[in-house]
Amino acid sequence: MFEMLVIVSLTFMDGSFTQYKDENDTFPIVQAETGDEATSLCQKRGDEIVTKMKSDFKDHDPKPSTFLLVCSEKEKQVNE
């Protein structure tokens, strides 16, 4: 099982930024059987988040500038 963090950041014209986190204040996670599937799901989820953030920040001052999407494989926890 592959797990990937979906990290979406939005920068603004004044240099500030925000990152999307879910209701638990964590980055969303996608899961799949293969790395290719997980990457594809991560990109799809990232696109959905970008669309939502574009709507949420369309009238924001300062104006939005650049979206950054990162799909990062989640580290597996090792139980000692």
N, C-alpha and C. Protein backbone atom coordinates (compact mmCIF):
# COMPACT_ATOMS: atom_id res chain seq x y z
N MET A 1 0.84 -1.18 0.00
CA MET A 1 0.00 0.00 0.00
C MET A 1 0.89 1.24 0.00
N PHE A 2 0.61 2.15 -0.91
CA PHE A 2 1.34 3.42 -0.99
C PHE A 2 0.45 4.54 -0.47
N GLU A 3 1.03 5.40 0.35
CA GLU A 3 0.33 6.58 0.86
C GLU A 3 1.14 7.80 0.47
N MET A 4 0.42 8.81 -0.02
CA MET A 4 1.08 10.06 -0.39
C MET A 4 0.38 11.23 0.26
N LEU A 5 1.19 12.18 0.72
CA LEU A 5 0.66 13.44 1.22
C LEU A 5 0.39 14.35 0.04
N VAL A 6 -0.74 15.05 0.07
CA VAL A 6 -1.09 16.02 -0.95
C VAL A 6 -0.83 17.40 -0.35
N ILE A 7 0.22 18.06 -0.82
CA ILE A 7 0.61 19.35 -0.24
C ILE A 7 0.36 20.43 -1.29
N VAL A 8 -0.57 21.33 -0.99
CA VAL A 8 -0.87 22.44 -1.90
C VAL A 8 -0.61 23.75 -1.16
N SER A 9 0.25 24.56 -1.73
CA SER A 9 0.56 25.88 -1.17
C SER A 9 0.13 26.94 -2.17
N LEU A 10 -0.30 28.06 -1.66
CA LEU A 10 -0.68 29.21 -2.48
C LEU A 10 0.10 30.41 -2.00
N THR A 11 0.86 31.03 -2.89
CA THR A 11 1.56 32.26 -2.53
C THR A 11 0.71 33.44 -2.99
N PHE A 12 0.93 34.57 -2.32
CA PHE A 12 0.21 35.80 -2.64
C PHE A 12 1.19 36.86 -3.14
N MET A 13 0.66 37.89 -3.76
CA MET A 13 1.48 38.94 -4.38
C MET A 13 2.41 39.64 -3.38
N ASP A 14 2.10 39.61 -2.09
CA ASP A 14 2.95 40.27 -1.10
C ASP A 14 4.02 39.33 -0.53
N GLY A 15 4.08 38.09 -1.03
CA GLY A 15 5.08 37.15 -0.56
C GLY A 15 4.58 36.21 0.54
N SER A 16 3.40 36.44 1.07
CA SER A 16 2.85 35.55 2.09
C SER A 16 2.32 34.28 1.41
N PHE A 17 1.97 33.28 2.20
CA PHE A 17 1.46 32.04 1.63
C PHE A 17 0.52 31.35 2.61
N THR A 18 -0.22 30.39 2.10
CA THR A 18 -1.07 29.52 2.90
C THR A 18 -0.96 28.11 2.34
N GLN A 19 -1.27 27.13 3.17
CA GLN A 19 -1.27 25.74 2.73
C GLN A 19 -2.61 25.12 3.08
N TYR A 20 -3.07 24.22 2.22
CA TYR A 20 -4.33 23.55 2.45
C TYR A 20 -4.12 22.39 3.43
N LYS A 21 -4.97 22.35 4.44
CA LYS A 21 -4.98 21.23 5.38
C LYS A 21 -6.43 20.85 5.62
N ASP A 22 -6.66 19.58 5.97
CA ASP A 22 -8.02 19.10 6.17
C ASP A 22 -8.54 19.50 7.55
N GLU A 23 -9.71 18.99 7.89
CA GLU A 23 -10.35 19.37 9.15
C GLU A 23 -9.55 18.97 10.38
N ASN A 24 -8.62 18.04 10.25
CA ASN A 24 -7.76 17.63 11.36
C ASN A 24 -6.44 18.41 11.38
N ASP A 25 -6.35 19.46 10.57
CA ASP A 25 -5.16 20.29 10.45
C ASP A 25 -3.94 19.49 9.97
N THR A 26 -4.20 18.54 9.07
CA THR A 26 -3.13 17.75 8.47
C THR A 26 -3.28 17.79 6.95
N PHE A 27 -2.19 17.48 6.26
CA PHE A 27 -2.26 17.41 4.80
C PHE A 27 -3.10 16.19 4.42
N PRO A 28 -3.93 16.31 3.37
CA PRO A 28 -4.69 15.16 2.91
C PRO A 28 -3.76 14.02 2.48
N ILE A 29 -4.25 12.79 2.59
CA ILE A 29 -3.49 11.60 2.22
C ILE A 29 -4.30 10.80 1.21
N VAL A 30 -3.63 10.32 0.16
CA VAL A 30 -4.26 9.39 -0.77
C VAL A 30 -3.56 8.05 -0.64
N GLN A 31 -4.30 6.98 -0.89
CA GLN A 31 -3.75 5.62 -0.79
C GLN A 31 -4.05 4.86 -2.07
N ALA A 32 -3.10 4.00 -2.45
CA ALA A 32 -3.29 3.16 -3.63
C ALA A 32 -2.38 1.94 -3.52
N GLU A 33 -2.63 0.97 -4.37
CA GLU A 33 -1.84 -0.26 -4.38
C GLU A 33 -0.45 -0.07 -4.97
N THR A 34 -0.33 0.84 -5.94
CA THR A 34 0.97 1.06 -6.59
C THR A 34 1.38 2.53 -6.47
N GLY A 35 2.66 2.76 -6.64
CA GLY A 35 3.16 4.13 -6.61
C GLY A 35 2.59 4.98 -7.72
N ASP A 36 2.44 4.39 -8.92
CA ASP A 36 1.88 5.14 -10.05
C ASP A 36 0.45 5.56 -9.78
N GLU A 37 -0.34 4.63 -9.21
CA GLU A 37 -1.73 4.96 -8.87
C GLU A 37 -1.79 6.05 -7.82
N ALA A 38 -0.94 5.95 -6.80
CA ALA A 38 -0.92 6.94 -5.73
C ALA A 38 -0.55 8.31 -6.27
N THR A 39 0.42 8.36 -7.18
CA THR A 39 0.83 9.63 -7.78
C THR A 39 -0.32 10.23 -8.59
N SER A 40 -1.00 9.40 -9.35
CA SER A 40 -2.13 9.87 -10.15
C SER A 40 -3.26 10.40 -9.25
N LEU A 41 -3.57 9.65 -8.19
CA LEU A 41 -4.61 10.09 -7.25
C LEU A 41 -4.21 11.39 -6.56
N CYS A 42 -2.93 11.51 -6.22
CA CYS A 42 -2.44 12.72 -5.56
C CYS A 42 -2.59 13.92 -6.48
N GLN A 43 -2.23 13.78 -7.73
CA GLN A 43 -2.35 14.88 -8.67
C GLN A 43 -3.81 15.28 -8.87
N LYS A 44 -4.70 14.27 -8.94
CA LYS A 44 -6.13 14.55 -9.09
C LYS A 44 -6.66 15.29 -7.87
N ARG A 45 -6.32 14.80 -6.67
CA ARG A 45 -6.77 15.46 -5.44
C ARG A 45 -6.19 16.88 -5.35
N GLY A 46 -4.93 17.03 -5.75
CA GLY A 46 -4.31 18.35 -5.76
C GLY A 46 -5.04 19.31 -6.67
N ASP A 47 -5.44 18.85 -7.85
CA ASP A 47 -6.20 19.69 -8.78
C ASP A 47 -7.54 20.12 -8.17
N GLU A 48 -8.19 19.21 -7.45
CA GLU A 48 -9.46 19.54 -6.78
C GLU A 48 -9.24 20.62 -5.72
N ILE A 49 -8.14 20.49 -4.96
CA ILE A 49 -7.84 21.47 -3.91
C ILE A 49 -7.53 22.83 -4.53
N VAL A 50 -6.76 22.84 -5.61
CA VAL A 50 -6.43 24.11 -6.29
C VAL A 50 -7.72 24.79 -6.75
N THR A 51 -8.64 24.04 -7.33
CA THR A 51 -9.92 24.61 -7.78
C THR A 51 -10.67 25.23 -6.61
N LYS A 52 -10.71 24.51 -5.48
CA LYS A 52 -11.38 25.03 -4.28
C LYS A 52 -10.71 26.30 -3.78
N MET A 53 -9.37 26.27 -3.72
CA MET A 53 -8.65 27.44 -3.20
C MET A 53 -8.78 28.64 -4.13
N LYS A 54 -8.84 28.41 -5.44
CA LYS A 54 -9.05 29.52 -6.38
C LYS A 54 -10.36 30.22 -6.07
N SER A 55 -11.39 29.43 -5.79
CA SER A 55 -12.69 29.99 -5.45
C SER A 55 -12.64 30.71 -4.10
N ASP A 56 -12.02 30.06 -3.11
CA ASP A 56 -11.97 30.64 -1.76
C ASP A 56 -11.20 31.96 -1.70
N PHE A 57 -10.17 32.11 -2.53
CA PHE A 57 -9.30 33.27 -2.45
C PHE A 57 -9.44 34.23 -3.64
N LYS A 58 -10.51 34.09 -4.44
CA LYS A 58 -10.63 34.89 -5.66
C LYS A 58 -10.70 36.39 -5.37
N ASP A 59 -11.26 36.80 -4.25
CA ASP A 59 -11.38 38.23 -3.93
C ASP A 59 -10.42 38.65 -2.82
N HIS A 60 -9.42 37.84 -2.55
CA HIS A 60 -8.48 38.09 -1.46
C HIS A 60 -7.56 39.26 -1.78
N ASP A 61 -7.24 40.03 -0.76
CA ASP A 61 -6.25 41.10 -0.90
C ASP A 61 -5.17 40.85 0.13
N PRO A 62 -3.95 40.55 -0.25
CA PRO A 62 -3.37 40.67 -1.59
C PRO A 62 -3.83 39.53 -2.51
N LYS A 63 -3.70 39.76 -3.79
CA LYS A 63 -4.13 38.80 -4.80
C LYS A 63 -3.28 37.53 -4.77
N PRO A 64 -3.92 36.37 -5.06
CA PRO A 64 -3.18 35.11 -5.18
C PRO A 64 -2.16 35.20 -6.33
N SER A 65 -1.07 34.47 -6.17
CA SER A 65 -0.02 34.51 -7.19
C SER A 65 0.23 33.13 -7.80
N THR A 66 0.76 32.19 -7.00
CA THR A 66 1.22 30.92 -7.55
C THR A 66 0.79 29.75 -6.67
N PHE A 67 0.29 28.69 -7.33
CA PHE A 67 -0.01 27.45 -6.62
C PHE A 67 1.16 26.50 -6.78
N LEU A 68 1.49 25.80 -5.70
CA LEU A 68 2.52 24.76 -5.72
C LEU A 68 1.87 23.46 -5.24
N LEU A 69 2.03 22.39 -6.02
CA LEU A 69 1.49 21.09 -5.66
C LEU A 69 2.64 20.11 -5.52
N VAL A 70 2.70 19.46 -4.36
CA VAL A 70 3.74 18.45 -4.10
C VAL A 70 3.05 17.17 -3.68
N CYS A 71 3.44 16.07 -4.30
CA CYS A 71 2.99 14.74 -3.90
C CYS A 71 4.18 14.05 -3.26
N SER A 72 4.08 13.79 -1.97
CA SER A 72 5.21 13.24 -1.23
C SER A 72 4.82 11.91 -0.59
N GLU A 73 5.64 10.89 -0.84
CA GLU A 73 5.34 9.59 -0.24
C GLU A 73 5.40 9.72 1.28
N LYS A 74 4.34 9.24 1.93
CA LYS A 74 4.27 9.32 3.39
C LYS A 74 5.19 8.28 3.99
N GLU A 75 5.98 8.68 4.98
CA GLU A 75 6.86 7.74 5.65
C GLU A 75 6.06 6.74 6.45
N LYS A 76 6.53 5.53 6.44
CA LYS A 76 5.88 4.49 7.24
C LYS A 76 6.38 4.59 8.69
N GLN A 77 5.44 4.44 9.61
CA GLN A 77 5.80 4.48 11.02
C GLN A 77 6.40 3.13 11.42
N VAL A 78 7.48 3.17 12.14
CA VAL A 78 8.11 1.94 12.60
C VAL A 78 7.78 1.77 14.09
N ASN A 79 7.17 0.66 14.41
CA ASN A 79 6.84 0.38 15.81
C ASN A 79 8.02 -0.34 16.46
N GLU A 80 8.46 0.19 17.58
CA GLU A 80 9.60 -0.41 18.28
C GLU A 80 9.12 -1.41 19.31
